[in-house]
Amino acid sequence: MNTRGQSVLRRRKCLRAALNPEASEEPIFDALIAARERFGDKEILEDQDRNPLTYTGLIRAAFVLGRKIAALTEPGERVGILLPSSAGVVVTFFGLHAYGRVPVMLNFTSGERNLKAAIKASGVKRVLSARRFVTQAKLEALIDDLATVTEIVWLDDLRQTVGLQDKLFGLMAGFFPNRFRVATAPSDPGVVLFTSGSFGAPKGVVLSQSNLVSNVRQVASHIALDPDWVVFNPLPTFHCFGLTGGVMLPVLTGMKAFQYPSPLHAKQIVELLPQVKASILFATDTFLNQYARVAGPDDFSTLQFVVAGAERVRDETHHLFNTKFGGVKLLEGYGATEAAPVVAVNHPDRNRPGSVGQMLPGMEWRTEPVEGITGGGRLFVRGPNVMRGYMSADDPRVIEPLQGGWHDTGDIVDIDADGYVSILGRVKRFAKIGGEMVSLAAVEGLAAAVWPESRHAVVSIPDSRKGEKLVLVTDRMDAESSRLSEWAREHGAPDLAVPKKIVRLAEVPVLGTGKTDYVGIQKLVETEARAA
């Protein structure tokens, strides 16, 4: 058999294994144990403190800490985690699973109001955090506010109570984890997350353990992953991209996971990448653009590829990677919290910039036409990684099931003959101007073509004459509509796509994940319009 044929055969075998129901129908902690058996007791986890953990070290630490937490909680209880990306959050996550508790990942950048709402919506009685983190992040006032609605449990205090007996217990549990862990089912809750809130109020999502494990298997069957690689994750674990891509994927596939607490530290991150021999970097376009600007030509030399998700990758970011770093492959993907999160992603050998790649193995999809929009359809997806439904607003224990298992992404997509997916925009991200549907994402693309080094956001507000009016919010302080109109005429873009009103800001608001904060921007523009 020739080399090409062998490669195809291996891929097919990998695909069958990845999509084997028995392989994906596995509780999270059991999947961790199985990974140690498969890859050996190698270093698997590290953070900026530079104290790496092996598989056995991670399992033992999870049992010791999990036992302490279990003494304070009830079986099946949902327990909040308010921590940055670190070895500590990974140990805490698996520690909860070792004893049948459910992690609820809380977004500490979302503010007091949203956090309290998330705590109430998910039925959380206790939140785990660390004093060192709270002090460094200056969250003392926030913690004081949260303490009025939930109990704050300090992991620092729990660790100080670990004695010889606990260490001996951890030693034995590390040898025989299957005997010590609490048995759970793949269908049991694996994590509670909240949607980003980029376009509206965050929704509570309960992902099963098999949802998360299945998504790891799907990605691993789509892209051949080398257990010798190192994944660098600066994304927060309250974001599904950071949790699945930055933690679950490397740990369950034998790759070392390096956790960094904030994606905002561009200079520190690019300096660390070659030091830790990072092979894969996960981030959003916002952060990747910043990293590319401050990085030297050799800072990305160890990277096999970079994976971008959560927001559209700008042409400028693609250009930076193509020209400045010797063609380091930038793979754009697409996902949703409701899908654990990866739905589609480009392949290192089949990368089509401008698309988000091909659907993962095991995904089903369909598109439905949207009135007034041509050249695409509203995307619905179904698969082993897709949640059963949203948490009920009335009762956190009740799940509102998806009809037929189909999740309505709310995204307008085009899928070509080769299966490559292009995101045209969200249903909510279209404006009806003079009877014509205009994509706000396309208008942002127009602004980016004129001022590629700036950040832009476009929203719409009511207009008495044309129904709606476009407003460009930009950090380009000399931006003028005339320049946009000139570009539109030269490139055949319709005049309807040119914003006549521009709001100039020192910084365009973003969420903690790096995604554009459209909700905040909409409120800002509407407030300014009322005051005018």
Protein backbone atom coordinates (compact mmCIF):
# COMPACT_ATOMS: atom_id res chain seq x y z
CA MET A 1 0.00 0.00 0.00
CA ASN A 2 1.38 3.44 -0.87
CA THR A 3 1.98 6.15 1.74
CA ARG A 4 -1.08 8.12 0.77
CA GLY A 5 -3.28 5.04 1.11
CA GLN A 6 -1.85 4.27 4.55
CA SER A 7 -2.51 7.83 5.66
CA VAL A 8 -6.13 7.59 4.53
CA LEU A 9 -6.55 4.22 6.24
CA ARG A 10 -5.16 5.54 9.52
CA ARG A 11 -7.47 8.48 9.33
CA ARG A 12 -10.46 6.23 8.76
CA LYS A 13 -9.50 4.02 11.68
CA CYS A 14 -9.08 7.09 13.87
CA LEU A 15 -12.43 8.37 12.68
CA ARG A 16 -14.18 5.11 13.56
CA ALA A 17 -12.59 5.05 17.01
CA ALA A 18 -13.43 8.68 17.65
CA LEU A 19 -17.06 8.22 16.74
CA ASN A 20 -17.47 4.86 18.45
CA PRO A 21 -20.38 5.43 20.87
CA GLU A 22 -18.60 3.46 23.57
CA ALA A 23 -15.50 5.67 23.26
CA SER A 24 -17.44 8.92 23.61
CA GLU A 25 -19.99 7.61 26.12
CA GLU A 26 -17.49 7.94 28.95
CA PRO A 27 -17.65 10.00 32.13
CA ILE A 28 -15.08 12.78 32.35
CA PHE A 29 -13.03 11.39 35.22
CA ASP A 30 -12.99 7.94 33.65
CA ALA A 31 -11.71 9.54 30.44
CA LEU A 32 -8.88 11.12 32.46
CA ILE A 33 -7.95 7.74 33.93
CA ALA A 34 -8.07 6.12 30.49
CA ALA A 35 -5.77 8.84 29.10
CA ARG A 36 -3.13 7.98 31.70
CA GLU A 37 -3.37 4.31 30.78
CA ARG A 38 -2.99 5.15 27.10
CA PHE A 39 -0.23 7.77 27.21
CA GLY A 40 1.66 6.80 30.35
CA ASP A 41 2.44 8.90 33.41
CA LYS A 42 3.82 11.89 31.54
CA GLU A 43 3.77 15.61 32.39
CA ILE A 44 0.36 16.84 31.37
CA LEU A 45 -0.31 20.17 33.11
CA GLU A 46 1.62 23.34 33.91
CA ASP A 47 1.02 27.03 34.51
CA GLN A 48 3.10 30.15 35.07
CA ASP A 49 4.22 28.90 38.50
CA ARG A 50 6.17 26.27 36.53
CA ASN A 51 5.35 23.30 38.80
CA PRO A 52 4.25 20.68 36.25
CA LEU A 53 1.91 17.82 37.12
CA THR A 54 1.93 14.35 35.62
CA TYR A 55 -1.28 12.42 35.02
CA THR A 56 -0.84 10.74 38.40
CA GLY A 57 -0.09 14.08 40.04
CA LEU A 58 -3.26 15.56 38.57
CA ILE A 59 -5.37 12.57 39.61
CA ARG A 60 -4.01 12.58 43.16
CA ALA A 61 -4.45 16.34 43.53
CA ALA A 62 -8.01 16.06 42.21
CA PHE A 63 -8.84 13.35 44.75
CA VAL A 64 -7.32 15.22 47.70
CA LEU A 65 -8.94 18.58 46.89
CA GLY A 66 -12.17 16.96 45.70
CA ARG A 67 -12.48 15.10 49.00
CA LYS A 68 -12.22 18.37 50.92
CA ILE A 69 -14.89 19.98 48.72
CA ALA A 70 -17.10 16.89 48.97
CA ALA A 71 -17.14 17.24 52.76
CA LEU A 72 -18.78 20.67 52.34
CA THR A 73 -21.23 19.79 49.56
CA GLU A 74 -23.92 17.29 48.58
CA PRO A 75 -23.71 14.60 45.86
CA GLY A 76 -24.72 16.09 42.53
CA GLU A 77 -24.50 19.65 43.87
CA ARG A 78 -23.64 22.42 41.45
CA VAL A 79 -20.55 24.21 42.71
CA GLY A 80 -19.35 27.54 41.34
CA ILE A 81 -15.75 28.01 40.23
CA LEU A 82 -14.39 31.54 40.05
CA LEU A 83 -10.75 31.11 39.03
CA PRO A 84 -8.44 32.08 36.15
CA SER A 85 -6.85 29.61 33.74
CA SER A 86 -4.31 27.77 35.88
CA ALA A 87 -3.34 24.35 37.13
CA GLY A 88 -5.56 25.12 40.11
CA VAL A 89 -8.75 25.47 38.07
CA VAL A 90 -7.99 22.20 36.23
CA VAL A 91 -7.42 20.32 39.51
CA THR A 92 -10.62 21.83 40.93
CA PHE A 93 -12.65 20.88 37.84
CA PHE A 94 -11.53 17.26 37.93
CA GLY A 95 -11.75 17.20 41.73
CA LEU A 96 -15.45 17.98 41.54
CA HIS A 97 -15.93 15.23 38.98
CA ALA A 98 -14.07 12.70 41.13
CA TYR A 99 -16.85 13.05 43.70
CA GLY A 100 -19.89 13.52 41.49
CA ARG A 101 -20.23 17.29 41.86
CA VAL A 102 -21.02 19.57 38.92
CA PRO A 103 -18.70 22.51 38.09
CA VAL A 104 -20.38 25.83 37.28
CA MET A 105 -17.83 28.05 35.54
CA LEU A 106 -18.41 31.69 36.49
CA ASN A 107 -17.31 34.63 34.35
CA PHE A 108 -15.52 36.96 36.75
CA THR A 109 -15.34 39.68 34.05
CA SER A 110 -19.12 39.89 33.60
CA GLY A 111 -19.84 42.13 36.60
CA GLU A 112 -21.79 41.78 39.83
CA ARG A 113 -25.25 41.79 38.27
CA ASN A 114 -24.56 39.06 35.71
CA LEU A 115 -22.67 36.91 38.22
CA LYS A 116 -25.46 37.06 40.76
CA ALA A 117 -27.93 36.17 38.02
CA ALA A 118 -25.77 33.20 36.97
CA ILE A 119 -25.48 31.98 40.57
CA LYS A 120 -29.24 32.18 41.04
CA ALA A 121 -30.04 30.65 37.65
CA SER A 122 -27.77 27.63 38.20
CA GLY A 123 -28.76 27.02 41.83
CA VAL A 124 -25.21 27.48 43.15
CA LYS A 125 -24.90 27.52 46.96
CA ARG A 126 -21.10 27.71 47.14
CA VAL A 127 -18.43 29.36 45.02
CA LEU A 128 -14.81 28.19 45.05
CA SER A 129 -12.14 30.86 44.64
CA ALA A 130 -8.62 31.76 45.77
CA ARG A 131 -7.43 34.79 47.74
CA ARG A 132 -4.28 35.16 45.63
CA PHE A 133 -6.35 35.44 42.46
CA VAL A 134 -8.91 37.81 43.99
CA THR A 135 -6.15 40.09 45.28
CA GLN A 136 -4.19 40.15 42.03
CA ALA A 137 -7.33 40.74 39.97
CA LYS A 138 -8.61 43.34 42.46
CA LEU A 139 -11.95 41.59 42.84
CA GLU A 140 -12.38 42.11 46.59
CA ALA A 141 -15.47 44.32 46.18
CA LEU A 142 -17.03 41.82 43.79
CA ILE A 143 -16.44 38.94 46.19
CA ASP A 144 -18.00 40.93 49.03
CA ASP A 145 -21.09 41.46 46.87
CA LEU A 146 -21.30 37.79 45.88
CA ALA A 147 -20.97 36.74 49.51
CA THR A 148 -24.44 38.23 50.10
CA VAL A 149 -26.04 35.58 47.87
CA THR A 150 -23.71 32.56 48.15
CA GLU A 151 -21.02 31.06 50.36
CA ILE A 152 -17.45 31.79 49.26
CA VAL A 153 -15.14 28.82 49.89
CA TRP A 154 -11.45 29.68 49.80
CA LEU A 155 -9.34 26.96 48.25
CA ASP A 156 -6.32 28.42 50.04
CA ASP A 157 -7.93 27.48 53.37
CA LEU A 158 -8.85 23.99 52.18
CA ARG A 159 -5.30 23.29 51.06
CA GLN A 160 -3.94 24.31 54.46
CA THR A 161 -6.01 21.55 56.06
CA VAL A 162 -4.37 18.83 53.94
CA GLY A 163 -2.47 16.57 56.31
CA LEU A 164 -0.56 13.29 56.20
CA GLN A 165 -3.74 11.22 56.15
CA ASP A 166 -5.02 13.17 53.14
CA LYS A 167 -1.72 12.69 51.32
CA LEU A 168 -1.77 8.93 52.00
CA PHE A 169 -5.33 8.83 50.72
CA GLY A 170 -4.27 10.68 47.56
CA LEU A 171 -1.37 8.25 47.11
CA MET A 172 -3.69 5.23 47.21
CA ALA A 173 -6.33 6.92 45.05
CA GLY A 174 -3.67 7.68 42.46
CA PHE A 175 -2.83 3.98 42.23
CA PHE A 176 -6.45 2.76 42.12
CA PRO A 177 -8.58 5.69 40.90
CA ASN A 178 -11.45 3.54 39.67
CA ARG A 179 -11.99 2.27 43.21
CA PHE A 180 -12.08 5.71 44.79
CA ARG A 181 -13.94 7.91 42.32
CA VAL A 182 -17.71 8.30 42.59
CA ALA A 183 -19.35 6.51 39.67
CA THR A 184 -21.26 8.82 37.33
CA ALA A 185 -23.01 8.32 34.00
CA PRO A 186 -21.94 9.87 30.68
CA SER A 187 -25.37 11.51 30.50
CA ASP A 188 -24.87 13.23 33.86
CA PRO A 189 -24.07 16.96 33.83
CA GLY A 190 -20.45 17.71 33.02
CA VAL A 191 -20.43 21.47 33.41
CA VAL A 192 -22.73 24.48 33.57
CA LEU A 193 -21.65 27.38 31.38
CA PHE A 194 -23.24 30.60 30.27
CA THR A 195 -23.34 31.90 26.72
CA SER A 196 -21.15 34.92 26.09
CA GLY A 197 -23.92 37.49 26.00
CA SER A 198 -22.39 39.13 22.93
CA PHE A 199 -25.82 39.71 21.40
CA GLY A 200 -28.19 39.40 24.38
CA ALA A 201 -28.63 38.10 27.91
CA PRO A 202 -26.41 35.08 28.72
CA LYS A 203 -28.21 31.73 28.80
CA GLY A 204 -27.44 28.83 31.11
CA VAL A 205 -26.15 25.76 29.27
CA VAL A 206 -25.80 22.33 30.85
CA LEU A 207 -23.37 20.17 28.89
CA SER A 208 -23.31 16.48 29.70
CA GLN A 209 -20.09 14.64 30.38
CA SER A 210 -20.43 12.84 27.06
CA ASN A 211 -20.97 16.18 25.26
CA LEU A 212 -17.51 17.32 26.37
CA VAL A 213 -15.74 14.00 25.81
CA SER A 214 -17.42 13.58 22.42
CA ASN A 215 -16.26 17.00 21.26
CA VAL A 216 -12.68 16.10 22.17
CA ARG A 217 -12.99 12.87 20.16
CA GLN A 218 -14.48 14.74 17.21
CA VAL A 219 -11.63 17.27 17.08
CA ALA A 220 -9.03 14.51 17.48
CA SER A 221 -10.53 12.60 14.57
CA HIS A 222 -10.55 15.72 12.39
CA ILE A 223 -6.95 16.78 13.08
CA ALA A 224 -4.15 14.34 13.89
CA LEU A 225 -2.77 15.44 17.27
CA ASP A 226 0.70 14.51 18.48
CA PRO A 227 0.91 13.60 22.21
CA ASP A 228 4.33 15.28 22.28
CA TRP A 229 2.77 18.66 21.50
CA VAL A 230 2.15 21.41 24.06
CA VAL A 231 -1.12 23.37 24.02
CA PHE A 232 -0.85 26.96 25.27
CA ASN A 233 -4.17 28.19 26.65
CA PRO A 234 -4.57 31.86 27.69
CA LEU A 235 -8.37 31.71 27.38
CA PRO A 236 -10.57 31.62 30.49
CA THR A 237 -12.20 28.31 31.38
CA PHE A 238 -15.55 30.05 31.92
CA HIS A 239 -15.52 30.22 28.10
CA CYS A 240 -16.20 26.86 26.48
CA PHE A 241 -13.38 27.38 23.97
CA GLY A 242 -10.93 27.70 26.86
CA LEU A 243 -12.39 24.74 28.77
CA THR A 244 -12.70 22.21 25.96
CA GLY A 245 -9.89 23.39 23.71
CA GLY A 246 -7.47 24.53 26.38
CA VAL A 247 -8.04 21.85 29.03
CA MET A 248 -10.12 18.85 27.98
CA LEU A 249 -8.60 18.39 24.52
CA PRO A 250 -4.92 18.27 25.54
CA VAL A 251 -5.43 16.33 28.78
CA LEU A 252 -7.55 13.62 27.16
CA THR A 253 -5.32 13.28 24.07
CA GLY A 254 -1.94 13.17 25.81
CA MET A 255 -0.79 16.71 25.02
CA LYS A 256 0.62 18.91 27.76
CA ALA A 257 -1.71 21.78 28.69
CA PHE A 258 -0.02 25.04 29.67
CA GLN A 259 -2.47 27.39 31.37
CA TYR A 260 -1.99 31.16 31.43
CA PRO A 261 -4.28 33.35 33.58
CA SER A 262 -5.08 36.22 31.20
CA PRO A 263 -5.16 36.63 27.41
CA LEU A 264 -4.50 40.34 27.88
CA HIS A 265 -0.78 39.95 28.68
CA ALA A 266 0.45 40.02 25.10
CA LYS A 267 4.16 40.57 25.75
CA GLN A 268 4.39 37.96 28.49
CA ILE A 269 2.54 35.40 26.39
CA VAL A 270 4.69 35.75 23.27
CA GLU A 271 7.81 35.46 25.45
CA LEU A 272 6.51 32.28 27.08
CA LEU A 273 5.50 30.50 23.86
CA PRO A 274 9.02 29.46 22.79
CA GLN A 275 10.11 28.87 26.41
CA VAL A 276 7.45 26.22 26.96
CA LYS A 277 7.83 24.90 23.39
CA ALA A 278 4.18 25.60 22.62
CA SER A 279 2.86 23.69 19.62
CA ILE A 280 -0.73 24.94 19.51
CA LEU A 281 -2.07 28.32 20.61
CA PHE A 282 -5.78 28.89 21.20
CA ALA A 283 -7.10 32.46 21.15
CA THR A 284 -9.58 34.85 19.59
CA ASP A 285 -8.85 37.27 16.74
CA THR A 286 -8.72 40.21 19.16
CA PHE A 287 -5.90 38.66 21.16
CA LEU A 288 -4.07 37.05 18.24
CA ASN A 289 -3.86 40.42 16.53
CA GLN A 290 -2.29 41.90 19.66
CA TYR A 291 0.18 39.00 19.99
CA ALA A 292 1.21 39.32 16.35
CA ARG A 293 1.92 43.03 16.75
CA VAL A 294 4.31 42.61 19.70
CA ALA A 295 5.91 39.28 18.76
CA GLY A 296 9.32 38.94 17.19
CA PRO A 297 9.91 36.73 14.14
CA ASP A 298 11.06 33.79 16.32
CA ASP A 299 8.45 33.99 19.08
CA PHE A 300 6.08 31.69 17.18
CA SER A 301 8.82 29.37 15.90
CA THR A 302 7.69 26.33 17.92
CA LEU A 303 4.03 26.59 16.90
CA GLN A 304 2.57 23.95 14.61
CA PHE A 305 -0.53 26.07 14.13
CA VAL A 306 -2.81 28.59 15.83
CA VAL A 307 -6.54 28.08 16.27
CA ALA A 308 -8.85 31.10 16.36
CA GLY A 309 -12.48 31.00 17.37
CA ALA A 310 -15.31 32.93 19.05
CA GLU A 311 -15.20 35.79 16.50
CA ARG A 312 -14.36 36.39 12.85
CA VAL A 313 -10.67 36.56 12.01
CA ARG A 314 -9.83 39.83 10.28
CA ASP A 315 -7.89 39.88 7.01
CA GLU A 316 -5.22 41.93 8.74
CA THR A 317 -4.63 39.17 11.30
CA HIS A 318 -4.29 36.56 8.52
CA HIS A 319 -1.85 38.87 6.75
CA LEU A 320 0.29 39.31 9.87
CA PHE A 321 0.65 35.57 10.34
CA ASN A 322 1.31 34.94 6.66
CA THR A 323 4.03 37.57 6.32
CA LYS A 324 5.62 38.09 9.73
CA PHE A 325 5.97 34.57 11.08
CA GLY A 326 7.03 32.43 8.17
CA GLY A 327 3.54 31.36 7.34
CA VAL A 328 2.48 29.98 10.74
CA LYS A 329 -0.87 28.39 9.97
CA LEU A 330 -3.82 30.26 11.41
CA LEU A 331 -6.84 27.97 11.48
CA GLU A 332 -10.21 29.61 11.94
CA GLY A 333 -12.96 27.56 13.57
CA TYR A 334 -16.56 27.94 14.57
CA GLY A 335 -18.44 26.84 17.63
CA ALA A 336 -21.11 27.53 20.19
CA THR A 337 -21.29 27.00 23.92
CA GLU A 338 -24.31 24.80 23.23
CA ALA A 339 -22.09 22.47 21.12
CA ALA A 340 -19.31 22.06 23.69
CA PRO A 341 -18.20 24.17 21.60
CA VAL A 342 -16.52 23.09 18.34
CA VAL A 343 -18.79 22.65 15.31
CA ALA A 344 -16.34 23.23 12.44
CA VAL A 345 -12.65 24.05 12.07
CA ASN A 346 -10.08 24.29 9.33
CA HIS A 347 -7.43 21.58 8.93
CA PRO A 348 -3.67 22.34 8.79
CA ASP A 349 -3.46 20.65 5.39
CA ARG A 350 -6.81 21.94 4.11
CA ASN A 351 -6.94 25.49 5.38
CA ARG A 352 -9.21 27.95 3.60
CA PRO A 353 -8.88 31.43 5.12
CA GLY A 354 -12.20 33.23 5.12
CA SER A 355 -14.04 30.04 6.00
CA VAL A 356 -14.32 28.31 9.37
CA GLY A 357 -13.43 24.95 7.85
CA GLN A 358 -15.46 21.79 7.54
CA MET A 359 -17.97 20.32 9.95
CA LEU A 360 -16.54 17.92 12.51
CA PRO A 361 -17.18 14.19 12.12
CA GLY A 362 -20.47 13.17 13.69
CA MET A 363 -22.13 16.55 13.13
CA GLU A 364 -25.47 16.79 11.36
CA TRP A 365 -26.56 20.12 9.96
CA ARG A 366 -29.27 21.77 7.96
CA THR A 367 -29.98 25.31 6.81
CA GLU A 368 -33.29 27.09 6.54
CA PRO A 369 -33.96 30.13 4.33
CA VAL A 370 -34.33 33.53 5.98
CA GLU A 371 -36.67 36.05 4.41
CA GLY A 372 -34.78 38.87 2.72
CA ILE A 373 -31.40 37.14 2.89
CA THR A 374 -29.98 35.40 -0.17
CA GLY A 375 -26.88 33.26 -0.52
CA GLY A 376 -27.13 31.50 2.82
CA GLY A 377 -29.41 30.00 5.42
CA ARG A 378 -29.98 29.75 9.14
CA LEU A 379 -27.84 26.96 10.56
CA PHE A 380 -29.18 24.15 12.75
CA VAL A 381 -26.82 21.51 14.16
CA ARG A 382 -27.20 18.18 15.91
CA GLY A 383 -24.58 15.76 17.21
CA PRO A 384 -23.06 13.99 20.24
CA ASN A 385 -21.56 17.29 21.41
CA VAL A 386 -24.82 19.29 21.33
CA MET A 387 -26.56 20.00 24.64
CA ARG A 388 -29.97 18.64 25.49
CA GLY A 389 -31.31 22.14 26.11
CA TYR A 390 -31.08 25.38 28.08
CA MET A 391 -31.65 25.68 31.81
CA SER A 392 -35.15 26.82 32.62
CA ALA A 393 -35.36 30.37 33.93
CA ASP A 394 -37.89 29.18 36.51
CA ASP A 395 -36.08 26.09 37.81
CA PRO A 396 -32.32 25.45 37.37
CA ARG A 397 -32.88 21.70 37.55
CA VAL A 398 -35.23 21.71 34.56
CA ILE A 399 -33.82 21.52 31.05
CA GLU A 400 -35.87 22.92 28.19
CA PRO A 401 -35.28 20.24 25.52
CA LEU A 402 -34.26 20.98 21.95
CA GLN A 403 -36.83 20.01 19.36
CA GLY A 404 -35.56 16.81 17.77
CA GLY A 405 -32.12 17.47 19.24
CA TRP A 406 -31.52 20.37 16.81
CA HIS A 407 -29.80 23.52 18.07
CA ASP A 408 -30.68 26.75 16.29
CA THR A 409 -27.34 28.59 16.11
CA GLY A 410 -28.90 31.84 14.93
CA ASP A 411 -26.09 32.14 12.41
CA ILE A 412 -26.47 32.64 8.67
CA VAL A 413 -23.99 30.42 6.85
CA ASP A 414 -23.06 29.25 3.40
CA ILE A 415 -21.69 25.72 2.94
CA ASP A 416 -19.93 25.03 -0.37
CA ALA A 417 -19.68 21.81 -2.35
CA ASP A 418 -16.56 20.74 -0.41
CA GLY A 419 -18.28 21.26 2.92
CA TYR A 420 -16.46 24.45 3.92
CA VAL A 421 -18.57 26.72 6.08
CA SER A 422 -18.59 30.51 5.72
CA ILE A 423 -20.29 32.63 8.37
CA LEU A 424 -22.30 35.43 6.78
CA GLY A 425 -23.63 36.87 10.02
CA ARG A 426 -26.17 36.32 12.74
CA VAL A 427 -29.90 36.60 12.15
CA LYS A 428 -29.94 39.41 14.71
CA ARG A 429 -27.02 41.05 12.93
CA PHE A 430 -28.95 42.18 9.85
CA ALA A 431 -30.66 45.54 9.42
CA LYS A 432 -33.59 46.27 7.13
CA ILE A 433 -32.83 49.57 5.40
CA GLY A 434 -35.20 50.86 2.75
CA GLY A 435 -36.65 47.37 2.41
CA GLU A 436 -33.22 45.74 1.86
CA MET A 437 -31.51 43.35 4.30
CA VAL A 438 -27.97 44.55 5.10
CA SER A 439 -25.44 42.39 6.95
CA LEU A 440 -23.85 44.31 9.81
CA ALA A 441 -20.88 41.96 9.67
CA ALA A 442 -20.38 42.89 6.00
CA VAL A 443 -20.45 46.58 6.89
CA GLU A 444 -17.81 45.92 9.54
CA GLY A 445 -15.78 44.25 6.80
CA LEU A 446 -16.10 47.38 4.69
CA ALA A 447 -14.74 49.51 7.56
CA ALA A 448 -11.93 47.01 8.13
CA ALA A 449 -10.97 47.22 4.47
CA VAL A 450 -10.62 51.00 4.77
CA TRP A 451 -8.91 51.04 8.18
CA PRO A 452 -7.48 47.51 8.67
CA GLU A 453 -5.44 48.35 11.78
CA SER A 454 -8.44 49.58 13.76
CA ARG A 455 -11.30 47.80 15.50
CA HIS A 456 -14.86 48.40 14.35
CA ALA A 457 -18.39 47.44 15.35
CA VAL A 458 -21.63 48.23 13.53
CA VAL A 459 -25.09 48.35 15.07
CA SER A 460 -28.41 49.64 13.85
CA ILE A 461 -30.96 51.98 15.41
CA PRO A 462 -34.51 52.94 14.31
CA ASP A 463 -34.83 55.49 11.54
CA SER A 464 -38.12 57.24 10.67
CA ARG A 465 -37.36 57.39 6.94
CA LYS A 466 -35.67 54.07 6.08
CA GLY A 467 -36.67 51.83 8.95
CA GLU A 468 -33.18 51.41 10.40
CA LYS A 469 -29.91 53.32 10.33
CA LEU A 470 -26.34 52.01 10.53
CA VAL A 471 -23.94 53.32 13.18
CA LEU A 472 -20.23 52.60 13.04
CA VAL A 473 -18.38 52.48 16.39
CA THR A 474 -14.64 52.59 15.87
CA ASP A 475 -11.34 53.37 17.57
CA ARG A 476 -10.21 55.15 14.39
CA MET A 477 -10.39 58.75 15.62
CA ASP A 478 -10.26 60.34 12.13
CA ALA A 479 -12.87 58.02 10.60
CA GLU A 480 -15.26 59.77 8.20
CA SER A 481 -18.25 58.49 6.25
CA SER A 482 -16.89 60.07 3.08
CA ARG A 483 -13.93 57.69 3.09
CA LEU A 484 -16.30 54.71 3.44
CA SER A 485 -18.48 56.01 0.60
CA GLU A 486 -15.43 56.42 -1.62
CA TRP A 487 -14.32 52.83 -0.99
CA ALA A 488 -17.86 51.57 -1.60
CA ARG A 489 -18.07 53.32 -4.97
CA GLU A 490 -14.66 52.02 -6.06
CA HIS A 491 -15.50 48.42 -5.15
CA GLY A 492 -19.14 48.29 -6.17
CA ALA A 493 -20.58 48.11 -2.65
CA PRO A 494 -24.12 49.51 -2.22
CA ASP A 495 -24.52 52.92 -0.63
CA LEU A 496 -26.97 51.31 1.83
CA ALA A 497 -23.96 49.56 3.42
CA VAL A 498 -22.23 52.83 4.30
CA PRO A 499 -22.86 54.07 7.87
CA LYS A 500 -23.67 57.77 7.88
CA LYS A 501 -23.19 58.07 11.63
CA ILE A 502 -19.85 57.30 13.30
CA VAL A 503 -19.09 57.07 17.03
CA ARG A 504 -15.37 57.33 17.81
CA LEU A 505 -14.05 55.76 21.01
CA ALA A 506 -10.58 55.26 22.44
CA GLU A 507 -11.42 51.54 22.73
CA VAL A 508 -14.28 49.53 21.25
CA PRO A 509 -15.88 47.61 24.17
CA VAL A 510 -15.11 43.90 24.35
CA LEU A 511 -16.09 41.08 26.69
CA GLY A 512 -13.65 39.15 28.86
CA THR A 513 -13.38 36.53 26.13
CA GLY A 514 -12.23 39.14 23.61
CA LYS A 515 -15.49 39.14 21.67
CA THR A 516 -17.06 42.46 20.76
CA ASP A 517 -19.60 43.56 23.37
CA TYR A 518 -22.50 44.31 21.04
CA VAL A 519 -25.00 44.58 23.89
CA GLY A 520 -22.94 47.32 25.55
CA ILE A 521 -22.31 49.05 22.23
CA GLN A 522 -26.01 48.99 21.35
CA LYS A 523 -26.90 50.61 24.67
CA LEU A 524 -24.19 53.24 24.22
CA VAL A 525 -25.38 54.17 20.73
CA GLU A 526 -29.05 54.25 21.74
CA THR A 527 -28.24 56.46 24.74
CA GLU A 528 -26.31 58.86 22.53
CA ALA A 529 -29.13 58.90 19.95
CA ARG A 530 -31.71 59.79 22.63
CA ALA A 531 -29.50 62.59 23.92
CA ALA A 532 -28.99 64.07 20.44
